[in-house]
Amino acid sequence: MTFSTNDFHRDANELLRELGYEICGDDDEGWAFHFGGPDSTTRGPQVDTAAQASASALKDLTIGTQDLLAAAKAVLGSWESGDLAAAVRELDTCVRVLDPDARGGSPEASRRLHEERLALGLQRLARDGLDFSTCVRTFGVKADLDPIARTARVNYQREGELEIDEYTVVSRGEDCGAYVMSWLWIATEPAD
């Protein structure tokens, strides 16, 4: 007995369907996957083939499963010491991400759940040592190389009052301007 690529693809899609995923599309419009039933929103990128859409769905399932395992480990680790309530909330979100009934529905509900999933991942990275400066370097710019940030440093930075770090975040507006992330020093009264 041989097992062809088509057999594997058909079986994988059947298993995905049992877990709430549906591969949809066509060769003209592109392929994607839905999760959570007929009223669900499209998830994953629009791709060229059904096989690529299946691979995206499998990747989504794998990430959700990894998140669920990490959340379960956090609950177990917090059982006797730690913040059990936070760990259980994380586990709840991970379960809802993998539950087709929770993930389906309105695009707004799907977006909120996706944002919760991203926030949990970020919290997990922070527990593992990610710090804010790494995020700024990742999402920001080197201030001396960005014209807006460089202008802000030259015109507005005052040592000990308002400072712009070597790496900063620039949020460009739709008009002709931008916000530049900076640190404003606020003196506090010494404690008695």
N, C-alpha and C. Protein backbone atom coordinates (compact mmCIF):
# COMPACT_ATOMS: atom_id res chain seq x y z
N MET A 1 0.84 -1.19 0.00
CA MET A 1 0.00 0.00 0.00
C MET A 1 0.88 1.24 0.00
N THR A 2 0.56 2.17 -0.85
CA THR A 2 1.32 3.42 -0.92
C THR A 2 0.46 4.56 -0.38
N PHE A 3 1.15 5.56 0.09
CA PHE A 3 0.49 6.73 0.66
C PHE A 3 0.99 7.93 -0.12
N SER A 4 0.16 8.48 -0.99
CA SER A 4 0.57 9.57 -1.87
C SER A 4 0.49 10.92 -1.16
N THR A 5 1.06 11.91 -1.81
CA THR A 5 0.99 13.28 -1.31
C THR A 5 -0.47 13.73 -1.24
N ASN A 6 -1.25 13.36 -2.24
CA ASN A 6 -2.67 13.72 -2.23
C ASN A 6 -3.40 13.07 -1.06
N ASP A 7 -3.05 11.79 -0.76
CA ASP A 7 -3.66 11.11 0.38
C ASP A 7 -3.32 11.84 1.68
N PHE A 8 -2.05 12.21 1.82
CA PHE A 8 -1.62 12.92 3.02
C PHE A 8 -2.36 14.25 3.14
N HIS A 9 -2.43 15.00 2.04
CA HIS A 9 -3.09 16.30 2.04
C HIS A 9 -4.56 16.15 2.42
N ARG A 10 -5.23 15.16 1.84
CA ARG A 10 -6.64 14.93 2.14
C ARG A 10 -6.82 14.57 3.62
N ASP A 11 -5.97 13.65 4.13
CA ASP A 11 -6.08 13.24 5.54
C ASP A 11 -5.77 14.39 6.48
N ALA A 12 -4.74 15.19 6.15
CA ALA A 12 -4.39 16.34 7.00
C ALA A 12 -5.55 17.33 7.04
N ASN A 13 -6.16 17.59 5.89
CA ASN A 13 -7.28 18.53 5.87
C ASN A 13 -8.48 17.99 6.64
N GLU A 14 -8.69 16.67 6.60
CA GLU A 14 -9.78 16.07 7.37
C GLU A 14 -9.53 16.24 8.87
N LEU A 15 -8.29 16.01 9.31
CA LEU A 15 -7.96 16.19 10.72
C LEU A 15 -8.09 17.66 11.13
N LEU A 16 -7.64 18.56 10.26
CA LEU A 16 -7.80 19.99 10.55
C LEU A 16 -9.27 20.35 10.67
N ARG A 17 -10.12 19.82 9.78
CA ARG A 17 -11.55 20.09 9.82
C ARG A 17 -12.16 19.62 11.15
N GLU A 18 -11.70 18.45 11.64
CA GLU A 18 -12.19 17.95 12.92
C GLU A 18 -11.83 18.89 14.07
N LEU A 19 -10.76 19.65 13.92
CA LEU A 19 -10.32 20.59 14.95
C LEU A 19 -10.85 22.01 14.72
N GLY A 20 -11.70 22.19 13.70
CA GLY A 20 -12.33 23.49 13.48
C GLY A 20 -11.72 24.31 12.36
N TYR A 21 -10.71 23.79 11.67
CA TYR A 21 -10.08 24.52 10.57
C TYR A 21 -10.72 24.11 9.25
N GLU A 22 -10.88 25.07 8.34
CA GLU A 22 -11.38 24.76 7.01
C GLU A 22 -10.52 25.48 5.99
N ILE A 23 -9.97 24.73 5.05
CA ILE A 23 -9.17 25.30 3.98
C ILE A 23 -10.16 25.78 2.91
N CYS A 24 -10.01 27.01 2.45
CA CYS A 24 -10.97 27.54 1.50
C CYS A 24 -10.26 28.43 0.48
N GLY A 25 -10.90 28.59 -0.65
CA GLY A 25 -10.38 29.45 -1.70
C GLY A 25 -10.38 28.76 -3.04
N ASP A 26 -9.67 29.35 -3.97
CA ASP A 26 -9.49 28.75 -5.29
C ASP A 26 -8.20 29.28 -5.89
N ASP A 27 -7.84 28.70 -7.03
CA ASP A 27 -6.56 29.06 -7.65
C ASP A 27 -6.55 30.49 -8.20
N ASP A 28 -7.74 31.04 -8.50
CA ASP A 28 -7.80 32.40 -9.03
C ASP A 28 -7.72 33.46 -7.93
N GLU A 29 -8.48 33.27 -6.86
CA GLU A 29 -8.56 34.25 -5.78
C GLU A 29 -7.53 34.03 -4.69
N GLY A 30 -6.98 32.84 -4.59
CA GLY A 30 -6.03 32.51 -3.55
C GLY A 30 -6.66 31.64 -2.48
N TRP A 31 -5.85 31.12 -1.59
CA TRP A 31 -6.27 30.18 -0.57
C TRP A 31 -5.97 30.75 0.82
N ALA A 32 -6.76 30.33 1.79
CA ALA A 32 -6.55 30.72 3.20
C ALA A 32 -7.24 29.66 4.04
N PHE A 33 -7.31 29.89 5.35
CA PHE A 33 -8.08 28.98 6.18
C PHE A 33 -8.99 29.77 7.10
N HIS A 34 -10.12 29.15 7.42
CA HIS A 34 -11.06 29.66 8.41
C HIS A 34 -10.93 28.79 9.64
N PHE A 35 -11.29 29.36 10.77
CA PHE A 35 -11.31 28.58 12.01
C PHE A 35 -12.58 28.92 12.76
N GLY A 36 -13.32 27.92 13.17
CA GLY A 36 -14.47 28.16 14.02
C GLY A 36 -15.82 28.14 13.35
N GLY A 37 -15.94 27.54 12.21
CA GLY A 37 -17.26 27.39 11.60
C GLY A 37 -17.53 28.37 10.50
N PRO A 38 -18.74 28.29 9.95
CA PRO A 38 -19.08 29.08 8.76
C PRO A 38 -19.08 30.59 8.97
N ASP A 39 -19.31 31.06 10.20
CA ASP A 39 -19.35 32.50 10.46
C ASP A 39 -17.99 33.06 10.86
N SER A 40 -16.95 32.24 10.81
CA SER A 40 -15.63 32.69 11.27
C SER A 40 -14.99 33.59 10.23
N THR A 41 -13.97 34.28 10.68
CA THR A 41 -13.22 35.15 9.79
C THR A 41 -12.05 34.39 9.19
N THR A 42 -11.58 34.86 8.04
CA THR A 42 -10.41 34.24 7.42
C THR A 42 -9.20 34.49 8.30
N ARG A 43 -8.39 33.46 8.43
CA ARG A 43 -7.17 33.59 9.22
C ARG A 43 -6.00 33.18 8.35
N GLY A 44 -4.86 33.64 8.72
CA GLY A 44 -3.68 33.28 7.96
C GLY A 44 -3.58 34.10 6.69
N PRO A 45 -2.42 34.07 6.07
CA PRO A 45 -2.21 34.87 4.86
C PRO A 45 -2.90 34.24 3.66
N GLN A 46 -3.23 35.06 2.68
CA GLN A 46 -3.74 34.56 1.40
C GLN A 46 -2.54 33.97 0.67
N VAL A 47 -2.64 32.72 0.26
CA VAL A 47 -1.52 32.02 -0.38
C VAL A 47 -1.96 31.46 -1.73
N ASP A 48 -1.01 30.90 -2.48
CA ASP A 48 -1.28 30.48 -3.85
C ASP A 48 -1.93 29.11 -3.97
N THR A 49 -1.67 28.21 -3.01
CA THR A 49 -2.17 26.84 -3.15
C THR A 49 -2.90 26.38 -1.89
N ALA A 50 -3.73 25.35 -2.07
CA ALA A 50 -4.42 24.75 -0.93
C ALA A 50 -3.42 24.13 0.03
N ALA A 51 -2.34 23.57 -0.50
CA ALA A 51 -1.32 22.96 0.36
C ALA A 51 -0.66 24.01 1.25
N GLN A 52 -0.41 25.20 0.71
CA GLN A 52 0.17 26.28 1.51
C GLN A 52 -0.81 26.74 2.59
N ALA A 53 -2.10 26.78 2.25
CA ALA A 53 -3.11 27.16 3.24
C ALA A 53 -3.18 26.11 4.34
N SER A 54 -3.07 24.83 3.98
CA SER A 54 -3.05 23.76 4.98
C SER A 54 -1.83 23.90 5.89
N ALA A 55 -0.69 24.21 5.28
CA ALA A 55 0.53 24.41 6.08
C ALA A 55 0.36 25.58 7.05
N SER A 56 -0.29 26.67 6.61
CA SER A 56 -0.55 27.82 7.49
C SER A 56 -1.46 27.42 8.64
N ALA A 57 -2.49 26.62 8.33
CA ALA A 57 -3.40 26.16 9.38
C ALA A 57 -2.67 25.27 10.38
N LEU A 58 -1.81 24.38 9.87
CA LEU A 58 -1.03 23.52 10.77
C LEU A 58 -0.10 24.35 11.65
N LYS A 59 0.50 25.38 11.07
CA LYS A 59 1.37 26.26 11.85
C LYS A 59 0.58 26.96 12.95
N ASP A 60 -0.62 27.47 12.61
CA ASP A 60 -1.48 28.13 13.59
C ASP A 60 -1.85 27.16 14.71
N LEU A 61 -2.19 25.93 14.35
CA LEU A 61 -2.53 24.91 15.34
C LEU A 61 -1.32 24.59 16.22
N THR A 62 -0.15 24.50 15.63
CA THR A 62 1.07 24.20 16.39
C THR A 62 1.37 25.31 17.39
N ILE A 63 1.26 26.57 16.94
CA ILE A 63 1.52 27.70 17.84
C ILE A 63 0.51 27.69 18.98
N GLY A 64 -0.76 27.46 18.66
CA GLY A 64 -1.79 27.40 19.71
C GLY A 64 -1.53 26.29 20.70
N THR A 65 -1.08 25.15 20.21
CA THR A 65 -0.78 24.02 21.10
C THR A 65 0.43 24.33 21.98
N GLN A 66 1.45 24.95 21.40
CA GLN A 66 2.63 25.34 22.19
C GLN A 66 2.23 26.34 23.28
N ASP A 67 1.38 27.31 22.91
CA ASP A 67 0.91 28.28 23.90
C ASP A 67 0.14 27.59 25.02
N LEU A 68 -0.71 26.63 24.65
CA LEU A 68 -1.50 25.90 25.64
C LEU A 68 -0.59 25.12 26.59
N LEU A 69 0.42 24.45 26.05
CA LEU A 69 1.35 23.69 26.90
C LEU A 69 2.11 24.62 27.84
N ALA A 70 2.57 25.76 27.31
CA ALA A 70 3.30 26.71 28.16
C ALA A 70 2.39 27.25 29.26
N ALA A 71 1.12 27.53 28.92
CA ALA A 71 0.18 28.03 29.94
C ALA A 71 -0.11 26.96 30.98
N ALA A 72 -0.26 25.71 30.55
CA ALA A 72 -0.50 24.62 31.50
C ALA A 72 0.70 24.46 32.44
N LYS A 73 1.91 24.57 31.89
CA LYS A 73 3.11 24.48 32.73
C LYS A 73 3.15 25.64 33.73
N ALA A 74 2.73 26.82 33.30
CA ALA A 74 2.70 27.98 34.21
C ALA A 74 1.72 27.75 35.34
N VAL A 75 0.57 27.15 35.03
CA VAL A 75 -0.41 26.84 36.09
C VAL A 75 0.20 25.85 37.07
N LEU A 76 0.81 24.81 36.55
CA LEU A 76 1.42 23.81 37.43
C LEU A 76 2.54 24.42 38.25
N GLY A 77 3.34 25.29 37.63
CA GLY A 77 4.43 25.94 38.35
C GLY A 77 3.96 26.92 39.39
N SER A 78 2.76 27.48 39.20
CA SER A 78 2.22 28.46 40.14
C SER A 78 1.30 27.84 41.17
N TRP A 79 1.09 26.55 41.09
CA TRP A 79 0.12 25.90 41.96
C TRP A 79 0.41 26.13 43.44
N GLU A 80 1.68 25.97 43.82
CA GLU A 80 2.03 26.12 45.23
C GLU A 80 2.63 27.48 45.55
N SER A 81 3.26 28.07 44.56
CA SER A 81 3.84 29.39 44.78
C SER A 81 3.72 30.18 43.49
N GLY A 82 3.53 31.46 43.59
CA GLY A 82 3.40 32.28 42.39
C GLY A 82 1.99 32.80 42.22
N ASP A 83 1.74 33.38 41.10
CA ASP A 83 0.46 34.01 40.81
C ASP A 83 -0.42 33.02 40.05
N LEU A 84 -1.13 32.17 40.78
CA LEU A 84 -1.97 31.14 40.18
C LEU A 84 -3.09 31.76 39.35
N ALA A 85 -3.69 32.84 39.83
CA ALA A 85 -4.80 33.46 39.10
C ALA A 85 -4.35 33.93 37.72
N ALA A 86 -3.19 34.56 37.62
CA ALA A 86 -2.69 35.02 36.32
C ALA A 86 -2.40 33.83 35.41
N ALA A 87 -1.84 32.77 35.98
CA ALA A 87 -1.54 31.58 35.18
C ALA A 87 -2.82 30.93 34.66
N VAL A 88 -3.86 30.92 35.47
CA VAL A 88 -5.14 30.33 35.03
C VAL A 88 -5.78 31.21 33.95
N ARG A 89 -5.67 32.54 34.07
CA ARG A 89 -6.18 33.43 33.02
C ARG A 89 -5.46 33.17 31.70
N GLU A 90 -4.14 32.97 31.77
CA GLU A 90 -3.37 32.67 30.57
C GLU A 90 -3.82 31.35 29.97
N LEU A 91 -4.03 30.35 30.81
CA LEU A 91 -4.51 29.05 30.34
C LEU A 91 -5.89 29.20 29.69
N ASP A 92 -6.77 30.00 30.29
CA ASP A 92 -8.10 30.22 29.74
C ASP A 92 -8.02 30.82 28.33
N THR A 93 -7.16 31.81 28.14
CA THR A 93 -7.02 32.42 26.82
C THR A 93 -6.52 31.40 25.82
N CYS A 94 -5.53 30.59 26.21
CA CYS A 94 -4.98 29.59 25.30
C CYS A 94 -6.03 28.54 24.92
N VAL A 95 -6.88 28.16 25.86
CA VAL A 95 -7.95 27.21 25.56
C VAL A 95 -8.94 27.84 24.59
N ARG A 96 -9.29 29.10 24.82
CA ARG A 96 -10.23 29.78 23.92
C ARG A 96 -9.66 29.92 22.52
N VAL A 97 -8.33 30.12 22.40
CA VAL A 97 -7.70 30.22 21.09
C VAL A 97 -7.87 28.93 20.31
N LEU A 98 -7.81 27.79 21.00
CA LEU A 98 -7.92 26.49 20.33
C LEU A 98 -9.36 25.98 20.24
N ASP A 99 -10.31 26.70 20.82
CA ASP A 99 -11.71 26.27 20.82
C ASP A 99 -12.44 26.92 19.65
N PRO A 100 -12.89 26.13 18.67
CA PRO A 100 -13.54 26.73 17.50
C PRO A 100 -14.75 27.59 17.87
N ASP A 101 -15.50 27.22 18.90
CA ASP A 101 -16.67 28.01 19.28
C ASP A 101 -16.26 29.38 19.81
N ALA A 102 -15.11 29.46 20.47
CA ALA A 102 -14.65 30.74 21.02
C ALA A 102 -13.98 31.59 19.94
N ARG A 103 -13.26 30.95 19.02
CA ARG A 103 -12.52 31.70 18.01
C ARG A 103 -13.39 32.19 16.88
N GLY A 104 -14.46 31.51 16.60
CA GLY A 104 -15.33 31.91 15.50
C GLY A 104 -16.14 33.13 15.88
N GLY A 105 -17.05 33.48 15.04
CA GLY A 105 -17.93 34.59 15.34
C GLY A 105 -17.50 35.84 14.61
N SER A 106 -17.74 36.96 15.24
CA SER A 106 -17.51 38.25 14.59
C SER A 106 -16.03 38.51 14.37
N PRO A 107 -15.72 39.31 13.37
CA PRO A 107 -14.32 39.69 13.17
C PRO A 107 -13.75 40.41 14.39
N GLU A 108 -14.58 41.19 15.09
CA GLU A 108 -14.12 41.91 16.29
C GLU A 108 -13.72 40.94 17.40
N ALA A 109 -14.55 39.91 17.63
CA ALA A 109 -14.23 38.91 18.66
C ALA A 109 -12.96 38.16 18.29
N SER A 110 -12.82 37.83 17.03
CA SER A 110 -11.63 37.12 16.56
C SER A 110 -10.39 37.99 16.73
N ARG A 111 -10.50 39.29 16.42
CA ARG A 111 -9.37 40.21 16.57
C ARG A 111 -8.96 40.35 18.03
N ARG A 112 -9.97 40.48 18.93
CA ARG A 112 -9.66 40.61 20.37
C ARG A 112 -8.94 39.37 20.88
N LEU A 113 -9.39 38.19 20.47
CA LEU A 113 -8.76 36.96 20.90
C LEU A 113 -7.34 36.86 20.36
N HIS A 114 -7.14 37.29 19.12
CA HIS A 114 -5.80 37.30 18.54
C HIS A 114 -4.88 38.25 19.31
N GLU A 115 -5.40 39.41 19.70
CA GLU A 115 -4.60 40.36 20.49
C GLU A 115 -4.27 39.78 21.86
N GLU A 116 -5.22 39.08 22.48
CA GLU A 116 -4.94 38.41 23.77
C GLU A 116 -3.82 37.39 23.61
N ARG A 117 -3.88 36.64 22.52
CA ARG A 117 -2.86 35.62 22.25
C ARG A 117 -1.48 36.26 22.10
N LEU A 118 -1.40 37.37 21.37
CA LEU A 118 -0.13 38.07 21.20
C LEU A 118 0.37 38.63 22.53
N ALA A 119 -0.55 39.18 23.33
CA ALA A 119 -0.16 39.74 24.64
C ALA A 119 0.37 38.64 25.55
N LEU A 120 -0.26 37.46 25.52
CA LEU A 120 0.25 36.34 26.33
C LEU A 120 1.65 35.93 25.90
N GLY A 121 1.86 35.90 24.60
CA GLY A 121 3.20 35.57 24.11
C GLY A 121 4.23 36.57 24.57
N LEU A 122 3.85 37.85 24.55
CA LEU A 122 4.76 38.90 25.01
C LEU A 122 5.03 38.77 26.50
N GLN A 123 3.99 38.47 27.30
CA GLN A 123 4.17 38.27 28.73
C GLN A 123 5.12 37.09 29.00
N ARG A 124 4.96 36.03 28.22
CA ARG A 124 5.82 34.87 28.38
C ARG A 124 7.28 35.23 28.05
N LEU A 125 7.47 36.01 26.98
CA LEU A 125 8.82 36.45 26.63
C LEU A 125 9.41 37.34 27.73
N ALA A 126 8.58 38.19 28.34
CA ALA A 126 9.06 39.04 29.44
C ALA A 126 9.49 38.20 30.62
N ARG A 127 8.71 37.15 30.93
CA ARG A 127 9.11 36.24 32.03
C ARG A 127 10.42 35.55 31.72
N ASP A 128 10.68 35.32 30.42
CA ASP A 128 11.90 34.64 30.01
C ASP A 128 13.08 35.59 29.83
N GLY A 129 12.88 36.89 30.13
CA GLY A 129 13.99 37.83 30.11
C GLY A 129 13.91 38.95 29.09
N LEU A 130 12.89 38.99 28.25
CA LEU A 130 12.75 40.10 27.30
C LEU A 130 12.54 41.39 28.09
N ASP A 131 13.26 42.45 27.72
CA ASP A 131 13.08 43.72 28.40
C ASP A 131 12.62 44.79 27.40
N PHE A 132 12.20 45.92 27.94
CA PHE A 132 11.63 46.98 27.12
C PHE A 132 12.63 47.51 26.11
N SER A 133 13.89 47.62 26.49
CA SER A 133 14.89 48.18 25.57
C SER A 133 15.04 47.29 24.33
N THR A 134 14.89 45.99 24.48
CA THR A 134 14.94 45.09 23.32
C THR A 134 13.75 45.37 22.41
N CYS A 135 12.59 45.61 22.98
CA CYS A 135 11.40 45.93 22.18
C CYS A 135 11.61 47.24 21.43
N VAL A 136 12.20 48.24 22.08
CA VAL A 136 12.44 49.53 21.43
C VAL A 136 13.42 49.35 20.28
N ARG A 137 14.48 48.57 20.48
CA ARG A 137 15.43 48.33 19.39
C ARG A 137 14.77 47.57 18.24
N THR A 138 13.82 46.70 18.56
CA THR A 138 13.14 45.91 17.54
C THR A 138 12.13 46.75 16.75
N PHE A 139 11.32 47.54 17.46
CA PHE A 139 10.27 48.30 16.80
C PHE A 139 10.68 49.73 16.47
N GLY A 140 11.79 50.17 17.01
CA GLY A 140 12.19 51.56 16.83
C GLY A 140 13.26 51.76 15.78
N VAL A 141 13.90 52.89 15.88
CA VAL A 141 14.94 53.30 14.94
C VAL A 141 16.15 53.79 15.74
N LYS A 142 17.29 53.78 15.09
CA LYS A 142 18.48 54.38 15.69
C LYS A 142 18.32 55.89 15.51
N ALA A 143 18.30 56.61 16.61
CA ALA A 143 17.94 58.03 16.59
C ALA A 143 18.83 58.85 15.68
N ASP A 144 20.12 58.54 15.61
CA ASP A 144 21.02 59.33 14.78
C ASP A 144 20.82 59.08 13.29
N LEU A 145 20.16 57.96 12.93
CA LEU A 145 19.98 57.63 11.53
C LEU A 145 18.60 58.02 10.99
N ASP A 146 17.67 58.31 11.87
CA ASP A 146 16.33 58.69 11.44
C ASP A 146 16.21 60.21 11.48
N PRO A 147 15.83 60.86 10.38
CA PRO A 147 15.80 62.33 10.36
C PRO A 147 14.86 62.94 11.39
N ILE A 148 13.70 62.33 11.61
CA ILE A 148 12.75 62.88 12.59
C ILE A 148 13.33 62.76 14.00
N ALA A 149 13.84 61.57 14.35
CA ALA A 149 14.40 61.36 15.69
C ALA A 149 15.62 62.24 15.90
N ARG A 150 16.44 62.37 14.88
CA ARG A 150 17.64 63.22 14.99
C ARG A 150 17.22 64.68 15.23
N THR A 151 16.21 65.15 14.51
CA THR A 151 15.71 66.51 14.71
C THR A 151 15.19 66.70 16.13
N ALA A 152 14.45 65.71 16.62
CA ALA A 152 13.92 65.79 17.99
C ALA A 152 15.06 65.87 19.01
N ARG A 153 16.10 65.06 18.81
CA ARG A 153 17.23 65.09 19.75
C ARG A 153 17.92 66.46 19.73
N VAL A 154 18.14 67.00 18.55
CA VAL A 154 18.85 68.27 18.43
C VAL A 154 18.02 69.42 19.01
N ASN A 155 16.72 69.45 18.72
CA ASN A 155 15.89 70.61 19.07
C ASN A 155 15.20 70.52 20.43
N TYR A 156 14.98 69.33 20.95
CA TYR A 156 14.15 69.22 22.15
C TYR A 156 14.83 68.53 23.33
N GLN A 157 15.85 67.76 23.09
CA GLN A 157 16.47 67.04 24.20
C GLN A 157 17.20 68.01 25.12
N ARG A 158 16.95 67.85 26.42
CA ARG A 158 17.63 68.64 27.45
C ARG A 158 18.08 67.65 28.52
N GLU A 159 19.36 67.49 28.66
CA GLU A 159 19.95 66.53 29.60
C GLU A 159 19.33 66.66 30.98
N GLY A 160 18.83 65.54 31.50
CA GLY A 160 18.24 65.53 32.83
C GLY A 160 16.79 66.01 32.89
N GLU A 161 16.25 66.43 31.77
CA GLU A 161 14.86 66.90 31.73
C GLU A 161 14.04 66.08 30.73
N LEU A 162 14.43 66.15 29.47
CA LEU A 162 13.74 65.41 28.42
C LEU A 162 14.82 64.74 27.57
N GLU A 163 14.81 63.41 27.55
CA GLU A 163 15.88 62.68 26.87
C GLU A 163 15.30 61.69 25.87
N ILE A 164 16.02 61.54 24.77
CA ILE A 164 15.67 60.58 23.73
C ILE A 164 16.83 59.61 23.63
N ASP A 165 16.55 58.33 23.84
CA ASP A 165 17.59 57.31 23.85
C ASP A 165 18.20 57.10 22.47
N GLU A 166 19.30 56.35 22.45
CA GLU A 166 19.98 56.03 21.19
C GLU A 166 19.02 55.34 20.21
N TYR A 167 18.17 54.44 20.73
CA TYR A 167 17.11 53.83 19.93
C TYR A 167 15.79 54.36 20.47
N THR A 168 14.91 54.76 19.57
CA THR A 168 13.62 55.30 19.98
C THR A 168 12.56 54.87 18.98
N VAL A 169 11.32 55.10 19.34
CA VAL A 169 10.21 54.77 18.46
C VAL A 169 9.67 56.08 17.88
N VAL A 170 9.45 56.06 16.57
CA VAL A 170 8.90 57.21 15.87
C VAL A 170 7.55 56.80 15.30
N SER A 171 6.51 57.54 15.65
CA SER A 171 5.17 57.28 15.15
C SER A 171 4.80 58.42 14.20
N ARG A 172 4.90 58.13 12.92
CA ARG A 172 4.64 59.15 11.91
C ARG A 172 3.14 59.35 11.73
N GLY A 173 2.73 60.60 11.71
CA GLY A 173 1.33 60.93 11.52
C GLY A 173 0.95 60.95 10.05
N GLU A 174 -0.34 61.04 9.80
CA GLU A 174 -0.81 61.12 8.41
C GLU A 174 -0.48 62.48 7.82
N ASP A 175 -0.39 63.49 8.68
CA ASP A 175 -0.03 64.83 8.21
C ASP A 175 1.49 64.89 8.07
N CYS A 176 2.03 66.04 8.22
CA CYS A 176 3.49 66.19 8.10
C CYS A 176 4.08 66.38 9.50
N GLY A 177 4.13 65.28 10.24
CA GLY A 177 4.69 65.32 11.58
C GLY A 177 4.77 63.93 12.16
N ALA A 178 5.35 63.85 13.35
CA ALA A 178 5.53 62.56 14.00
C ALA A 178 5.70 62.75 15.49
N TYR A 179 5.40 61.68 16.24
CA TYR A 179 5.71 61.63 17.66
C TYR A 179 6.99 60.84 17.83
N VAL A 180 7.84 61.30 18.75
CA VAL A 180 9.09 60.60 19.04
C VAL A 180 9.07 60.22 20.51
N MET A 181 9.30 58.95 20.79
CA MET A 181 9.31 58.49 22.17
C MET A 181 10.49 59.12 22.91
N SER A 182 10.19 59.66 24.09
CA SER A 182 11.23 60.29 24.89
C SER A 182 10.95 60.02 26.36
N TRP A 183 11.91 60.38 27.19
CA TRP A 183 11.78 60.22 28.64
C TRP A 183 11.73 61.61 29.26
N LEU A 184 10.68 61.84 30.03
CA LEU A 184 10.52 63.12 30.72
C LEU A 184 10.82 62.88 32.20
N TRP A 185 11.79 63.61 32.75
CA TRP A 185 12.16 63.45 34.15
C TRP A 185 11.19 64.22 35.03
N ILE A 186 10.65 63.56 36.04
CA ILE A 186 9.78 64.19 37.03
C ILE A 186 10.43 63.97 38.40
N ALA A 187 10.79 65.04 39.06
CA ALA A 187 11.41 64.93 40.38
C ALA A 187 10.32 64.60 41.40
N THR A 188 10.67 63.77 42.34
CA THR A 188 9.74 63.42 43.43
C THR A 188 10.33 63.89 44.75
N GLU A 189 9.45 64.11 45.68
CA GLU A 189 9.88 64.49 47.02
C GLU A 189 10.53 63.30 47.70
N PRO A 190 11.63 63.47 48.39
CA PRO A 190 12.24 62.35 49.10
C PRO A 190 11.31 61.83 50.19
N ALA A 191 11.30 60.51 50.36
CA ALA A 191 10.47 59.89 51.40
C ALA A 191 11.01 60.21 52.78
N ASP A 192 10.12 60.44 53.72
CA ASP A 192 10.55 60.74 55.12
C ASP A 192 10.99 59.49 55.84
